[in-house]
C-alpha atoms as a PDB file:
ATOM      1  CA  MET A   1     120.592  85.753 101.123  1.00  0.00           C
ATOM      2  CA  ARG A   2     118.617  83.633  98.692  1.00  0.00           C
ATOM      3  CA  LEU A   3     119.395  84.542  95.088  1.00  0.00           C
ATOM      4  CA  PRO A   4     116.965  84.535  92.142  1.00  0.00           C
ATOM      5  CA  ALA A   5     116.632  81.168  90.443  1.00  0.00           C
ATOM      6  CA  THR A   6     118.312  82.468  87.273  1.00  0.00           C
ATOM      7  CA  TYR A   7     121.384  83.699  89.148  1.00  0.00           C
ATOM      8  CA  ASN A   8     124.079  81.505  90.621  1.00  0.00           C
ATOM      9  CA  ARG A   9     127.644  81.900  91.807  1.00  0.00           C
ATOM     10  CA  VAL A  10     130.123  79.195  90.918  1.00  0.00           C
ATOM     11  CA  ALA A  11     133.841  79.010  91.501  1.00  0.00           C
ATOM     12  CA  ASP A  12     136.184  79.170  88.550  1.00  0.00           C
ATOM     13  CA  SER A  13     138.568  76.229  88.251  1.00  0.00           C
ATOM     14  CA  ASN A  14     141.422  78.650  89.012  1.00  0.00           C
ATOM     15  CA  SER A  15     139.671  79.435  92.350  1.00  0.00           C
ATOM     16  CA  ASN A  16     140.562  83.133  92.078  1.00  0.00           C
ATOM     17  CA  THR A  17     137.389  84.218  90.372  1.00  0.00           C
ATOM     18  CA  THR A  18     133.692  84.033  91.046  1.00  0.00           C
ATOM     19  CA  ILE A  19     131.559  83.589  87.960  1.00  0.00           C
ATOM     20  CA  SER A  20     128.057  84.973  88.195  1.00  0.00           C
ATOM     21  CA  THR A  21     125.803  83.310  85.644  1.00  0.00           C
ATOM     22  CA  THR A  22     122.410  84.135  84.263  1.00  0.00           C
ATOM     23  CA  ASP A  23     121.370  82.179  81.157  1.00  0.00           C
ATOM     24  CA  ASN A  24     124.406  82.539  78.870  1.00  0.00           C
ATOM     25  CA  ASN A  25     125.844  85.705  80.357  1.00  0.00           C
ATOM     26  CA  TYR A  26     128.956  85.646  82.515  1.00  0.00           C
ATOM     27  CA  LEU A  27     130.394  88.218  84.888  1.00  0.00           C
ATOM     28  CA  ARG A  28     133.803  87.502  86.388  1.00  0.00           C
ATOM     29  CA  ILE A  29     134.650  89.109  89.703  1.00  0.00           C
ATOM     30  CA  ASN A  30     138.115  88.874  91.185  1.00  0.00           C
ATOM     31  CA  ARG A  31     138.006  87.674  94.802  1.00  0.00           C
ATOM     32  CA  SER A  32     141.191  89.466  95.792  1.00  0.00           C
ATOM     33  CA  ALA A  33     139.630  92.720  94.597  1.00  0.00           C
ATOM     34  CA  PHE A  34     136.744  92.143  96.990  1.00  0.00           C
ATOM     35  CA  ARG A  35     139.159  91.514  99.852  1.00  0.00           C
ATOM     36  CA  MET A  36     140.897  94.802  99.049  1.00  0.00           C
ATOM     37  CA  SER A  37     137.588  96.642  98.845  1.00  0.00           C
ATOM     38  CA  LYS A  38     136.808  95.816 102.456  1.00  0.00           C
ATOM     39  CA  LYS A  39     139.799  97.842 103.585  1.00  0.00           C
ATOM     40  CA  THR A  40     139.172 101.075 101.689  1.00  0.00           C
ATOM     41  CA  THR A  41     136.358 103.218 100.314  1.00  0.00           C
ATOM     42  CA  GLY A  42     138.448 105.259  97.893  1.00  0.00           C
ATOM     43  CA  LEU A  43     137.023 108.512  99.227  1.00  0.00           C
ATOM     44  CA  LEU A  44     139.153 111.633  98.902  1.00  0.00           C
ATOM     45  CA  SER A  45     137.973 113.168 102.174  1.00  0.00           C
ATOM     46  CA  THR A  46     136.927 112.008 105.626  1.00  0.00           C
ATOM     47  CA  THR A  47     133.814 112.941 107.566  1.00  0.00           C
ATOM     48  CA  VAL A  48     134.400 115.622 110.185  1.00  0.00           C
ATOM     49  CA  PRO A  49     134.140 114.483 113.846  1.00  0.00           C
ATOM     50  CA  GLU A  50     131.248 116.878 114.454  1.00  0.00           C
ATOM     51  CA  TRP A  51     129.036 114.765 112.186  1.00  0.00           C
ATOM     52  CA  ILE A  52     128.825 111.810 114.596  1.00  0.00           C
ATOM     53  CA  ASP A  53     128.144 114.209 117.491  1.00  0.00           C
ATOM     54  CA  THR A  54     125.193 115.577 115.527  1.00  0.00           C
ATOM     55  CA  VAL A  55     123.936 112.072 114.757  1.00  0.00           C
ATOM     56  CA  LEU A  56     124.172 110.770 118.315  1.00  0.00           C
ATOM     57  CA  ALA A  57     122.440 113.876 119.646  1.00  0.00           C
ATOM     58  CA  ASP A  58     119.309 112.923 117.661  1.00  0.00           C
ATOM     59  CA  PHE A  59     119.689 109.294 116.701  1.00  0.00           C
ATOM     60  CA  ASP A  60     115.961 108.843 116.106  1.00  0.00           C
ATOM     61  CA  ALA A  61     116.136 111.402 113.292  1.00  0.00           C
ATOM     62  CA  PHE A  62     119.208 109.675 111.868  1.00  0.00           C
ATOM     63  CA  LEU A  63     117.511 106.279 111.957  1.00  0.00           C
ATOM     64  CA  THR A  64     114.470 107.648 110.141  1.00  0.00           C
ATOM     65  CA  ASP A  65     116.660 109.253 107.482  1.00  0.00           C
ATOM     66  CA  HIS A  66     118.672 106.044 107.160  1.00  0.00           C
ATOM     67  CA  ALA A  67     115.507 104.048 106.451  1.00  0.00           C
ATOM     68  CA  ASN A  68     114.565 106.483 103.709  1.00  0.00           C
ATOM     69  CA  CYS A  69     118.038 106.179 102.182  1.00  0.00           C
ATOM     70  CA  GLU A  70     117.795 102.386 102.037  1.00  0.00           C
ATOM     71  CA  ARG A  71     114.349 102.551 100.437  1.00  0.00           C
ATOM     72  CA  LYS A  72     115.515 105.079  97.840  1.00  0.00           C
ATOM     73  CA  ALA A  73     118.618 103.005  97.082  1.00  0.00           C
ATOM     74  CA  ASN A  74     116.374 100.031  96.313  1.00  0.00           C
ATOM     75  CA  ALA A  75     114.150 102.193  94.100  1.00  0.00           C
ATOM     76  CA  LEU A  76     117.146 103.584  92.197  1.00  0.00           C
ATOM     77  CA  LEU A  77     118.477 100.117  91.458  1.00  0.00           C
ATOM     78  CA  MET A  78     115.107  98.886  90.246  1.00  0.00           C
ATOM     79  CA  SER A  79     114.709 101.940  88.017  1.00  0.00           C
ATOM     80  CA  MET A  80     118.102 101.257  86.423  1.00  0.00           C
ATOM     81  CA  ILE A  81     117.096  97.674  85.707  1.00  0.00           C
ATOM     82  CA  VAL A  82     114.019  98.933  83.866  1.00  0.00           C
ATOM     83  CA  LYS A  83     115.923 101.727  82.097  1.00  0.00           C
ATOM     84  CA  TYR A  84     118.648  99.418  80.755  1.00  0.00           C
ATOM     85  CA  PRO A  85     116.944  96.101  79.917  1.00  0.00           C
ATOM     86  CA  ASP A  86     119.572  95.367  77.261  1.00  0.00           C
ATOM     87  CA  ARG A  87     122.405  95.304  79.835  1.00  0.00           C
ATOM     88  CA  ARG A  88     121.819  91.647  80.589  1.00  0.00           C
ATOM     89  CA  ALA A  89     125.117  91.081  82.377  1.00  0.00           C
ATOM     90  CA  MET A  90     124.284  93.881  84.806  1.00  0.00           C
ATOM     91  CA  ILE A  91     120.714  92.978  85.698  1.00  0.00           C
ATOM     92  CA  PRO A  92     121.299  89.947  87.985  1.00  0.00           C
ATOM     93  CA  ARG A  93     123.823  91.880  90.072  1.00  0.00           C
ATOM     94  CA  LEU A  94     121.525  94.888  90.395  1.00  0.00           C
ATOM     95  CA  ILE A  95     118.650  92.607  91.403  1.00  0.00           C
ATOM     96  CA  GLU A  96     120.856  91.131  94.115  1.00  0.00           C
ATOM     97  CA  LEU A  97     121.909  94.576  95.339  1.00  0.00           C
ATOM     98  CA  ALA A  98     118.296  95.799  95.290  1.00  0.00           C
ATOM     99  CA  GLN A  99     117.272  92.814  97.416  1.00  0.00           C
ATOM    100  CA  GLU A 100     120.014  93.620  99.916  1.00  0.00           C
ATOM    101  CA  GLU A 101     118.960  97.279 100.074  1.00  0.00           C
ATOM    102  CA  LEU A 102     115.378  96.193 100.740  1.00  0.00           C
ATOM    103  CA  GLU A 103     116.583  93.882 103.507  1.00  0.00           C
ATOM    104  CA  HIS A 104     118.548  96.766 105.021  1.00  0.00           C
ATOM    105  CA  PHE A 105     115.423  98.916 104.884  1.00  0.00           C
ATOM    106  CA  ALA A 106     113.440  96.222 106.694  1.00  0.00           C
ATOM    107  CA  GLU A 107     116.147  95.854 109.343  1.00  0.00           C
ATOM    108  CA  THR A 108     116.365  99.612 109.855  1.00  0.00           C
ATOM    109  CA  TYR A 109     112.598  99.864 110.122  1.00  0.00           C
ATOM    110  CA  ALA A 110     112.632  97.125 112.786  1.00  0.00           C
ATOM    111  CA  PHE A 111     114.872  99.341 114.927  1.00  0.00           C
ATOM    112  CA  MET A 112     112.480 102.222 114.283  1.00  0.00           C
ATOM    113  CA  GLU A 113     109.533 100.144 115.459  1.00  0.00           C
ATOM    114  CA  LYS A 114     111.318  99.329 118.700  1.00  0.00           C
ATOM    115  CA  ARG A 115     111.685 103.053 119.291  1.00  0.00           C
ATOM    116  CA  GLY A 116     108.099 103.867 118.312  1.00  0.00           C
ATOM    117  CA  LEU A 117     109.209 105.827 115.252  1.00  0.00           C
ATOM    118  CA  LEU A 118     107.207 106.387 112.064  1.00  0.00           C
ATOM    119  CA  LEU A 119     108.521 106.577 108.533  1.00  0.00           C
ATOM    120  CA  SER A 120     108.766 110.142 107.279  1.00  0.00           C
ATOM    121  CA  LYS A 121     108.067 111.738 103.920  1.00  0.00           C
ATOM    122  CA  ASP A 122     110.970 112.216 101.567  1.00  0.00           C
ATOM    123  CA  THR A 123     112.926 115.427 101.855  1.00  0.00           C
ATOM    124  CA  PRO A 124     115.443 116.677  99.277  1.00  0.00           C
ATOM    125  CA  ASP A 125     118.919 115.248  99.746  1.00  0.00           C
ATOM    126  CA  PRO A 126     121.345 117.987  98.640  1.00  0.00           C
ATOM    127  CA  TYR A 127     124.263 115.562  98.612  1.00  0.00           C
ATOM    128  CA  VAL A 128     122.659 113.023  96.278  1.00  0.00           C
ATOM    129  CA  ASN A 129     121.003 115.696  94.139  1.00  0.00           C
ATOM    130  CA  GLN A 130     124.282 117.497  93.508  1.00  0.00           C
ATOM    131  CA  LEU A 131     126.003 114.266  92.535  1.00  0.00           C
ATOM    132  CA  LEU A 132     123.195 113.239  90.191  1.00  0.00           C
ATOM    133  CA  ALA A 133     123.242 116.679  88.574  1.00  0.00           C
ATOM    134  CA  SER A 134     126.816 115.976  87.453  1.00  0.00           C
ATOM    135  CA  ALA A 135     125.792 112.969  85.327  1.00  0.00           C
ATOM    136  CA  ARG A 136     126.610 113.512  81.680  1.00  0.00           C
ATOM    137  CA  HIS A 137     124.238 113.201  78.743  1.00  0.00           C
ATOM    138  CA  GLY A 138     124.502 110.440  76.190  1.00  0.00           C
ATOM    139  CA  ARG A 139     123.409 106.837  76.662  1.00  0.00           C
ATOM    140  CA  ASP A 140     126.788 105.368  77.579  1.00  0.00           C
ATOM    141  CA  GLU A 141     128.018 108.435  79.448  1.00  0.00           C
ATOM    142  CA  ARG A 142     124.907 108.635  81.600  1.00  0.00           C
ATOM    143  CA  TYR A 143     124.946 104.908  82.286  1.00  0.00           C
ATOM    144  CA  ILE A 144     128.581 105.077  83.384  1.00  0.00           C
ATOM    145  CA  ASP A 145     127.982 108.105  85.576  1.00  0.00           C
ATOM    146  CA  ARG A 146     124.888 106.689  87.245  1.00  0.00           C
ATOM    147  CA  LEU A 147     126.773 103.550  88.276  1.00  0.00           C
ATOM    148  CA  LEU A 148     129.848 105.488  89.394  1.00  0.00           C
ATOM    149  CA  ILE A 149     127.730 107.960  91.367  1.00  0.00           C
ATOM    150  CA  ALA A 150     126.007 105.004  93.025  1.00  0.00           C
ATOM    151  CA  SER A 151     129.457 103.647  93.896  1.00  0.00           C
ATOM    152  CA  VAL A 152     130.537 106.972  95.406  1.00  0.00           C
ATOM    153  CA  ILE A 153     127.350 107.238  97.472  1.00  0.00           C
ATOM    154  CA  GLU A 154     127.813 103.689  98.760  1.00  0.00           C
ATOM    155  CA  SER A 155     131.424 104.488  99.675  1.00  0.00           C
ATOM    156  CA  ARG A 156     130.390 107.504 101.752  1.00  0.00           C
ATOM    157  CA  GLY A 157     127.651 105.453 103.361  1.00  0.00           C
ATOM    158  CA  ALA A 158     130.204 102.785 104.269  1.00  0.00           C
ATOM    159  CA  GLU A 159     132.508 105.325 105.865  1.00  0.00           C
ATOM    160  CA  ARG A 160     129.715 106.859 107.923  1.00  0.00           C
ATOM    161  CA  PHE A 161     128.147 103.562 108.954  1.00  0.00           C
ATOM    162  CA  ARG A 162     131.548 102.522 110.235  1.00  0.00           C
ATOM    163  CA  ILE A 163     131.763 105.725 112.269  1.00  0.00           C
ATOM    164  CA  VAL A 164     128.341 104.988 113.760  1.00  0.00           C
ATOM    165  CA  ALA A 165     129.345 101.392 114.558  1.00  0.00           C
ATOM    166  CA  GLU A 166     132.468 102.577 116.360  1.00  0.00           C
ATOM    167  CA  ASN A 167     130.741 105.278 118.403  1.00  0.00           C
ATOM    168  CA  ILE A 168     127.265 104.093 119.342  1.00  0.00           C
ATOM    169  CA  THR A 169     126.952 102.431 122.739  1.00  0.00           C
ATOM    170  CA  ASP A 170     124.020 100.121 121.956  1.00  0.00           C
ATOM    171  CA  PRO A 171     125.685  96.759 121.107  1.00  0.00           C
ATOM    172  CA  GLU A 172     122.835  95.629 118.841  1.00  0.00           C
ATOM    173  CA  LEU A 173     122.997  98.819 116.788  1.00  0.00           C
ATOM    174  CA  ALA A 174     126.800  98.689 116.748  1.00  0.00           C
ATOM    175  CA  ALA A 175     126.696  95.160 115.282  1.00  0.00           C
ATOM    176  CA  PHE A 176     124.065  96.224 112.751  1.00  0.00           C
ATOM    177  CA  TYR A 177     126.090  99.172 111.497  1.00  0.00           C
ATOM    178  CA  GLU A 178     129.282  97.125 111.397  1.00  0.00           C
ATOM    179  CA  LYS A 179     127.524  94.685 109.101  1.00  0.00           C
ATOM    180  CA  LEU A 180     126.160  97.517 106.980  1.00  0.00           C
ATOM    181  CA  TRP A 181     129.440  99.305 106.361  1.00  0.00           C
ATOM    182  CA  LYS A 182     130.980  96.092 105.063  1.00  0.00           C
ATOM    183  CA  CYS A 183     128.016  95.583 102.733  1.00  0.00           C
ATOM    184  CA  GLU A 184     128.218  99.154 101.469  1.00  0.00           C
ATOM    185  CA  VAL A 185     131.894  98.796 100.547  1.00  0.00           C
ATOM    186  CA  LYS A 186     131.053  95.639  98.632  1.00  0.00           C
ATOM    187  CA  HIS A 187     128.235  97.416  96.804  1.00  0.00           C
ATOM    188  CA  ALA A 188     130.512 100.313  95.882  1.00  0.00           C
ATOM    189  CA  HIS A 189     133.025  97.900  94.409  1.00  0.00           C
ATOM    190  CA  VAL A 190     130.420  95.933  92.436  1.00  0.00           C
ATOM    191  CA  PHE A 191     129.287  99.025  90.522  1.00  0.00           C
ATOM    192  CA  VAL A 192     132.841  99.693  89.346  1.00  0.00           C
ATOM    193  CA  LEU A 193     133.437  96.042  88.470  1.00  0.00           C
ATOM    194  CA  LEU A 194     130.291  95.990  86.354  1.00  0.00           C
ATOM    195  CA  LEU A 195     131.559  98.940  84.337  1.00  0.00           C
ATOM    196  CA  ASN A 196     135.003  97.415  83.941  1.00  0.00           C
ATOM    197  CA  GLN A 197     133.372  94.440  82.191  1.00  0.00           C
ATOM    198  CA  GLU A 198     132.084  96.714  79.427  1.00  0.00           C
ATOM    199  CA  TYR A 199     134.455  99.662  79.154  1.00  0.00           C
ATOM    200  CA  ASP A 200     138.118 100.572  79.277  1.00  0.00           C
ATOM    201  CA  GLU A 201     139.229 100.312  82.891  1.00  0.00           C
ATOM    202  CA  ALA A 202     141.502 103.368  82.707  1.00  0.00           C
ATOM    203  CA  MET A 203     138.629 105.476  81.395  1.00  0.00           C
ATOM    204  CA  ILE A 204     136.303 104.271  84.144  1.00  0.00           C
ATOM    205  CA  ASN A 205     138.938 104.940  86.797  1.00  0.00           C
ATOM    206  CA  ALA A 206     139.557 108.473  85.491  1.00  0.00           C
ATOM    207  CA  ARG A 207     135.862 109.348  85.597  1.00  0.00           C
ATOM    208  CA  HIS A 208     135.544 107.716  89.018  1.00  0.00           C
ATOM    209  CA  GLN A 209     138.307 109.944  90.353  1.00  0.00           C
ATOM    210  CA  GLU A 210     136.590 113.033  88.926  1.00  0.00           C
ATOM    211  CA  LEU A 211     133.382 112.128  90.723  1.00  0.00           C
ATOM    212  CA  LEU A 212     135.217 111.361  93.957  1.00  0.00           C
ATOM    213  CA  ALA A 213     136.829 114.805  93.800  1.00  0.00           C
ATOM    214  CA  LEU A 214     133.435 116.395  93.219  1.00  0.00           C
ATOM    215  CA  GLU A 215     131.980 114.393  96.094  1.00  0.00           C
ATOM    216  CA  ALA A 216     134.661 115.651  98.474  1.00  0.00           C
ATOM    217  CA  THR A 217     133.782 119.222  97.534  1.00  0.00           C
ATOM    218  CA  ILE A 218     130.069 118.583  98.026  1.00  0.00           C
ATOM    219  CA  VAL A 219     130.600 116.968 101.441  1.00  0.00           C
ATOM    220  CA  ALA A 220     132.713 119.914 102.596  1.00  0.00           C
ATOM    221  CA  GLY A 221     129.801 122.259 101.903  1.00  0.00           C
ATOM    222  CA  LEU A 222     127.043 120.211 103.541  1.00  0.00           C
ATOM    223  CA  GLU A 223     125.237 121.446 106.624  1.00  0.00           C
ATOM    224  CA  LEU A 224     125.658 119.143 109.608  1.00  0.00           C
ATOM    225  CA  ARG A 225     122.423 117.333 110.406  1.00  0.00           C
ATOM    226  CA  PRO A 226     121.368 113.992 111.931  1.00  0.00           C
ATOM    227  CA  ALA A 227     121.264 112.302 108.534  1.00  0.00           C
ATOM    228  CA  LEU A 228     123.418 109.961 106.510  1.00  0.00           C
ATOM    229  CA  HIS A 229     124.344 112.765 104.106  1.00  0.00           C
END
């Protein structure tokens, strides 16, 4: 993917770190952490087998919902960029993630076009709404929670995209969803890494675990439907 002109990745001389630069701001990301992130989502629960049965029984509905999720993910990232203009170290990474979400939306919509499907109006997402309702007040607290909630949502998306990739028979869709679940894990990890640049890592991890526990409870109470959440 082509990055904005103000954003570049260069290798550290120790070759264990990627340095993301924008003007005079630096964000160091450990490569080994990214390799680890590909193997795990950190979720505290797994999706029940009945979910994929529901999805495959009405894959057109799932695809339409998936497109909406990608579009809303892009919108959320852009809104955070506008809401926190002073977080200069964060902005280039969120721009990159927003671009990827928009690309995923375009790719999902291409599959919809092949099937003669139309985009649908937004419907309430009880999963996302319940997670967002848990965000604390206070500038720092809300900022931390919004990024951690985004990480949790990406983690669940990764898990479910992987399930789709492993169960759908269409090879083109299987390859698409395999690519997506790997991207979603990376996104989930980036949100946490961004916070670890600014705040105590133990504090961020503790709050992350609280939100993961809440997420597991929310997922357990969701109605099965042909949707990502």
